[in-house]
Amino acid sequence: MDQGMGVMYGFSIVAILFQLLYLVCIGLGIYGLVLFIKLARRGITALEIYIGKHRDPNQRMDQNNRV
């Protein structure tokens, strides 16, 4: 009977470890998604600045004529 209980406890420990690993993977996935969103927002801002600097000079508006 002791061996049966040992195996049962062994399986429960393995199951708990897998659940913890699963939760860690979900947490890292969410963290990676947040970092990717921050990177994308910075990229969009940088692209807007680049486009603003390299726009055709004839189409540029001065500070007073902004819409």
N, C-alpha and C. Protein backbone atom coordinates (compact mmCIF):
# COMPACT_ATOMS: atom_id res chain seq x y z
N MET A 1 0.80 -1.19 0.00
CA MET A 1 0.00 0.00 0.00
C MET A 1 0.85 1.26 0.00
N ASP A 2 2.02 1.21 0.65
CA ASP A 2 2.85 2.41 0.70
C ASP A 2 3.36 2.80 -0.68
N GLN A 3 3.67 1.80 -1.49
CA GLN A 3 4.18 2.12 -2.82
C GLN A 3 3.09 2.80 -3.67
N GLY A 4 1.89 2.36 -3.54
CA GLY A 4 0.78 2.97 -4.27
C GLY A 4 0.57 4.41 -3.87
N MET A 5 0.67 4.70 -2.59
CA MET A 5 0.52 6.08 -2.13
C MET A 5 1.68 6.93 -2.61
N GLY A 6 2.87 6.38 -2.64
CA GLY A 6 4.04 7.13 -3.11
C GLY A 6 3.90 7.52 -4.57
N VAL A 7 3.41 6.59 -5.35
CA VAL A 7 3.21 6.87 -6.77
C VAL A 7 2.12 7.93 -6.93
N MET A 8 1.08 7.86 -6.12
CA MET A 8 0.00 8.83 -6.22
C MET A 8 0.50 10.23 -5.85
N TYR A 9 1.29 10.33 -4.79
CA TYR A 9 1.85 11.62 -4.42
C TYR A 9 2.84 12.11 -5.48
N GLY A 10 3.58 11.20 -6.07
CA GLY A 10 4.51 11.56 -7.13
C GLY A 10 3.80 12.17 -8.32
N PHE A 11 2.70 11.57 -8.70
CA PHE A 11 1.93 12.10 -9.82
C PHE A 11 1.33 13.46 -9.49
N SER A 12 0.91 13.64 -8.26
CA SER A 12 0.32 14.92 -7.90
C SER A 12 1.38 16.02 -7.88
N ILE A 13 2.59 15.71 -7.46
CA ILE A 13 3.67 16.70 -7.48
C ILE A 13 4.02 17.07 -8.92
N VAL A 14 4.07 16.07 -9.78
CA VAL A 14 4.37 16.34 -11.20
C VAL A 14 3.26 17.19 -11.80
N ALA A 15 2.01 16.91 -11.46
CA ALA A 15 0.89 17.69 -11.99
C ALA A 15 0.97 19.14 -11.51
N ILE A 16 1.32 19.32 -10.24
CA ILE A 16 1.45 20.68 -9.71
C ILE A 16 2.59 21.42 -10.40
N LEU A 17 3.70 20.74 -10.64
CA LEU A 17 4.84 21.38 -11.33
C LEU A 17 4.46 21.78 -12.75
N PHE A 18 3.71 20.91 -13.43
CA PHE A 18 3.28 21.25 -14.79
C PHE A 18 2.31 22.43 -14.80
N GLN A 19 1.45 22.50 -13.80
CA GLN A 19 0.53 23.64 -13.72
C GLN A 19 1.29 24.92 -13.44
N LEU A 20 2.30 24.86 -12.57
CA LEU A 20 3.12 26.04 -12.32
C LEU A 20 3.88 26.46 -13.58
N LEU A 21 4.42 25.49 -14.30
CA LEU A 21 5.12 25.79 -15.55
C LEU A 21 4.16 26.42 -16.56
N TYR A 22 2.95 25.91 -16.61
CA TYR A 22 1.93 26.46 -17.51
C TYR A 22 1.61 27.90 -17.15
N LEU A 23 1.46 28.19 -15.86
CA LEU A 23 1.17 29.56 -15.42
C LEU A 23 2.34 30.50 -15.71
N VAL A 24 3.56 30.01 -15.54
CA VAL A 24 4.74 30.82 -15.85
C VAL A 24 4.78 31.14 -17.34
N CYS A 25 4.47 30.16 -18.17
CA CYS A 25 4.47 30.39 -19.62
C CYS A 25 3.39 31.41 -20.01
N ILE A 26 2.23 31.33 -19.40
CA ILE A 26 1.18 32.31 -19.68
C ILE A 26 1.64 33.70 -19.26
N GLY A 27 2.24 33.81 -18.09
CA GLY A 27 2.74 35.11 -17.61
C GLY A 27 3.80 35.68 -18.52
N LEU A 28 4.73 34.84 -18.97
CA LEU A 28 5.77 35.32 -19.88
C LEU A 28 5.18 35.72 -21.23
N GLY A 29 4.16 35.02 -21.67
CA GLY A 29 3.50 35.38 -22.92
C GLY A 29 2.83 36.74 -22.83
N ILE A 30 2.15 37.00 -21.73
CA ILE A 30 1.50 38.30 -21.53
C ILE A 30 2.55 39.40 -21.44
N TYR A 31 3.64 39.14 -20.71
CA TYR A 31 4.71 40.13 -20.58
C TYR A 31 5.34 40.42 -21.95
N GLY A 32 5.56 39.39 -22.75
CA GLY A 32 6.10 39.58 -24.10
C GLY A 32 5.15 40.38 -24.98
N LEU A 33 3.86 40.15 -24.83
CA LEU A 33 2.87 40.90 -25.61
C LEU A 33 2.90 42.37 -25.24
N VAL A 34 3.01 42.67 -23.94
CA VAL A 34 3.09 44.06 -23.49
C VAL A 34 4.34 44.73 -24.06
N LEU A 35 5.48 44.02 -24.00
CA LEU A 35 6.71 44.59 -24.55
C LEU A 35 6.60 44.82 -26.06
N PHE A 36 5.96 43.90 -26.77
CA PHE A 36 5.79 44.06 -28.21
C PHE A 36 4.91 45.26 -28.53
N ILE A 37 3.85 45.46 -27.75
CA ILE A 37 2.97 46.61 -27.98
C ILE A 37 3.72 47.92 -27.73
N LYS A 38 4.55 47.95 -26.67
CA LYS A 38 5.35 49.15 -26.42
C LYS A 38 6.32 49.42 -27.57
N LEU A 39 6.95 48.36 -28.07
CA LEU A 39 7.88 48.51 -29.19
C LEU A 39 7.16 49.00 -30.44
N ALA A 40 5.97 48.48 -30.69
CA ALA A 40 5.21 48.89 -31.88
C ALA A 40 4.82 50.37 -31.78
N ARG A 41 4.42 50.80 -30.59
CA ARG A 41 4.05 52.22 -30.42
C ARG A 41 5.25 53.13 -30.65
N ARG A 42 6.43 52.71 -30.15
CA ARG A 42 7.64 53.51 -30.39
C ARG A 42 7.99 53.54 -31.88
N GLY A 43 7.81 52.42 -32.54
CA GLY A 43 8.09 52.36 -33.97
C GLY A 43 7.17 53.26 -34.77
N ILE A 44 5.90 53.30 -34.40
CA ILE A 44 4.95 54.17 -35.10
C ILE A 44 5.32 55.63 -34.88
N THR A 45 5.70 55.98 -33.64
CA THR A 45 6.10 57.35 -33.34
C THR A 45 7.35 57.73 -34.14
N ALA A 46 8.33 56.81 -34.18
CA ALA A 46 9.56 57.08 -34.93
C ALA A 46 9.26 57.24 -36.42
N LEU A 47 8.35 56.43 -36.94
CA LEU A 47 7.98 56.53 -38.36
C LEU A 47 7.30 57.87 -38.65
N GLU A 48 6.44 58.32 -37.74
CA GLU A 48 5.78 59.61 -37.94
C GLU A 48 6.80 60.75 -37.92
N ILE A 49 7.78 60.68 -37.03
CA ILE A 49 8.83 61.71 -36.99
C ILE A 49 9.65 61.68 -38.27
N TYR A 50 9.99 60.48 -38.73
CA TYR A 50 10.78 60.34 -39.97
C TYR A 50 10.02 60.90 -41.16
N ILE A 51 8.76 60.56 -41.26
CA ILE A 51 7.95 61.05 -42.38
C ILE A 51 7.83 62.57 -42.30
N GLY A 52 7.66 63.11 -41.10
CA GLY A 52 7.56 64.55 -40.93
C GLY A 52 8.82 65.28 -41.35
N LYS A 53 9.97 64.69 -41.09
CA LYS A 53 11.25 65.33 -41.45
C LYS A 53 11.55 65.22 -42.94
N HIS A 54 11.08 64.15 -43.58
CA HIS A 54 11.44 63.91 -44.97
C HIS A 54 10.28 64.16 -45.93
N ARG A 55 9.31 64.90 -45.47
CA ARG A 55 8.18 65.23 -46.34
C ARG A 55 8.65 66.24 -47.39
N ASP A 56 7.95 66.31 -48.49
CA ASP A 56 8.27 67.25 -49.56
C ASP A 56 8.18 68.67 -48.99
N PRO A 57 9.21 69.50 -49.18
CA PRO A 57 9.20 70.85 -48.61
C PRO A 57 8.02 71.70 -49.09
N ASN A 58 7.50 71.45 -50.27
CA ASN A 58 6.38 72.23 -50.78
C ASN A 58 5.08 71.91 -50.05
N GLN A 59 4.99 70.75 -49.43
CA GLN A 59 3.77 70.35 -48.74
C GLN A 59 3.83 70.64 -47.25
N ARG A 60 4.96 71.12 -46.77
CA ARG A 60 5.08 71.40 -45.34
C ARG A 60 4.22 72.58 -44.93
N MET A 61 3.65 72.45 -43.76
CA MET A 61 2.88 73.55 -43.20
C MET A 61 3.70 74.15 -42.07
N ASP A 62 3.65 75.46 -41.95
CA ASP A 62 4.34 76.05 -40.82
C ASP A 62 3.46 75.95 -39.57
N GLN A 63 3.98 76.39 -38.46
CA GLN A 63 3.32 76.22 -37.17
C GLN A 63 1.94 76.89 -37.13
N ASN A 64 1.76 78.01 -37.83
CA ASN A 64 0.50 78.75 -37.75
C ASN A 64 -0.61 78.13 -38.60
N ASN A 65 -0.26 77.35 -39.59
CA ASN A 65 -1.26 76.81 -40.51
C ASN A 65 -1.63 75.36 -40.22
N ARG A 66 -1.36 74.89 -39.03
CA ARG A 66 -1.68 73.50 -38.70
C ARG A 66 -3.19 73.30 -38.60
N VAL A 67 -3.61 72.15 -39.01
CA VAL A 67 -5.04 71.83 -38.96
C VAL A 67 -5.33 71.01 -37.73
